[in-house]
C-alpha cells in the first residue's frame, strides 16, 4: 500500500508543469515561443452535413482534396478542412 502511494505521488509530481512535457516527450528544450502555423492556401468546406448521413454524396472528397493539395504544393501553406 505504501509503495502504491509513493508511486502515485511520484507520478503526480511528474505529470504537472514543465516536467510533464519532459516526461511525455523526452525533450529537455524550454519552450521559448508559441508555435508558428503555416498560412492558409485554400480552405475546403464540407460537402454535406451529418444530417445528410442517410444519403451521402455519390463521390467522396478525395479528388477535391488532392486538387487543393496539388494547387498549393510547394507554397508552404496549408489546406485546412472545415465542417
Protein backbone atom coordinates (compact mmCIF):
# COMPACT_ATOMS: atom_id res chain seq x y z
CA UNK A 1 0.00 0.00 0.00
CA UNK A 2 2.82 2.39 0.88
CA UNK A 3 4.56 1.52 -2.38
CA UNK A 4 1.43 2.44 -4.37
CA UNK A 5 1.14 5.74 -2.51
CA UNK A 6 4.77 6.59 -3.27
CA UNK A 7 4.34 5.67 -6.93
CA UNK A 8 1.16 7.76 -7.10
CA UNK A 9 2.91 10.77 -5.58
CA UNK A 10 5.86 10.36 -7.95
CA UNK A 11 3.57 10.16 -10.99
CA UNK A 12 1.58 13.17 -9.81
CA UNK A 13 4.75 15.24 -9.49
CA UNK A 14 5.92 14.11 -12.94
CA UNK A 15 2.58 14.88 -14.59
CA UNK A 16 2.46 18.54 -13.53
CA UNK A 17 4.03 21.60 -15.03
CA UNK A 18 7.04 21.56 -17.31
CA UNK A 19 8.18 18.18 -16.06
CA UNK A 20 5.10 16.65 -17.76
CA UNK A 21 6.36 17.85 -21.13
CA UNK A 22 9.83 16.47 -20.50
CA UNK A 23 8.41 13.16 -19.25
CA UNK A 24 5.98 12.80 -22.17
CA UNK A 25 8.32 13.85 -25.00
CA UNK A 26 11.82 13.45 -23.63
CA UNK A 27 12.53 16.94 -24.97
CA UNK A 28 14.54 18.96 -22.47
CA UNK A 29 14.50 22.20 -24.51
CA UNK A 30 12.50 25.02 -22.91
CA UNK A 31 9.50 26.46 -24.76
CA UNK A 32 10.57 29.96 -25.75
CA UNK A 33 7.92 30.92 -28.27
CA UNK A 34 4.47 29.92 -29.45
CA UNK A 35 4.27 27.54 -32.41
CA UNK A 36 4.12 29.10 -35.84
CA UNK A 37 1.38 27.69 -38.03
CA UNK A 38 1.59 27.89 -41.83
CA UNK A 39 -0.54 30.42 -43.67
CA UNK A 40 -3.65 29.10 -45.39
CA UNK A 41 -3.64 28.43 -49.11
CA UNK A 42 -7.22 27.21 -49.50
CA UNK A 43 -10.00 26.22 -47.09
CA UNK A 44 -12.08 23.21 -48.06
CA UNK A 45 -15.64 23.22 -46.79
CA UNK A 46 -17.68 20.13 -46.09
CA UNK A 47 -19.85 18.86 -48.93
CA UNK A 48 -22.63 17.54 -46.71
CA UNK A 49 -23.64 17.78 -43.08
CA UNK A 50 -24.04 14.99 -40.57
CA UNK A 51 -27.81 15.36 -41.00
CA UNK A 52 -27.32 14.01 -44.54
CA UNK A 53 -25.68 10.77 -43.37
CA UNK A 54 -28.51 8.67 -44.82
CA UNK A 55 -27.70 9.88 -48.33
CA UNK A 56 -24.03 10.90 -48.59
CA UNK A 57 -22.77 12.35 -51.86
CA UNK A 58 -22.09 9.85 -54.63
CA UNK A 59 -18.43 10.89 -54.92
CA UNK A 60 -16.11 11.27 -51.99
CA UNK A 61 -13.89 14.29 -51.40
CA UNK A 62 -10.63 12.56 -52.35
CA UNK A 63 -10.30 14.22 -55.76
CA UNK A 64 -11.25 17.64 -54.39
CA UNK A 65 -8.76 17.39 -51.54
CA UNK A 66 -6.00 16.17 -53.86
CA UNK A 67 -6.67 19.05 -56.26
CA UNK A 68 -6.33 21.57 -53.43
CA UNK A 69 -3.11 19.93 -52.22
CA UNK A 70 -1.69 19.93 -55.76
CA UNK A 71 -2.61 23.60 -56.27
CA UNK A 72 -0.87 24.57 -53.03
CA UNK A 73 2.15 22.27 -53.41
CA UNK A 74 5.45 24.00 -52.85
CA UNK A 75 3.86 27.12 -51.37
CA UNK A 76 4.47 26.09 -47.74
CA UNK A 77 0.85 26.90 -47.00
CA UNK A 78 -1.83 24.68 -45.50
CA UNK A 79 -5.14 23.31 -46.74
CA UNK A 80 -7.43 23.06 -43.68
CA UNK A 81 -10.77 21.31 -43.91
CA UNK A 82 -13.76 22.94 -42.23
CA UNK A 83 -17.05 21.40 -41.29
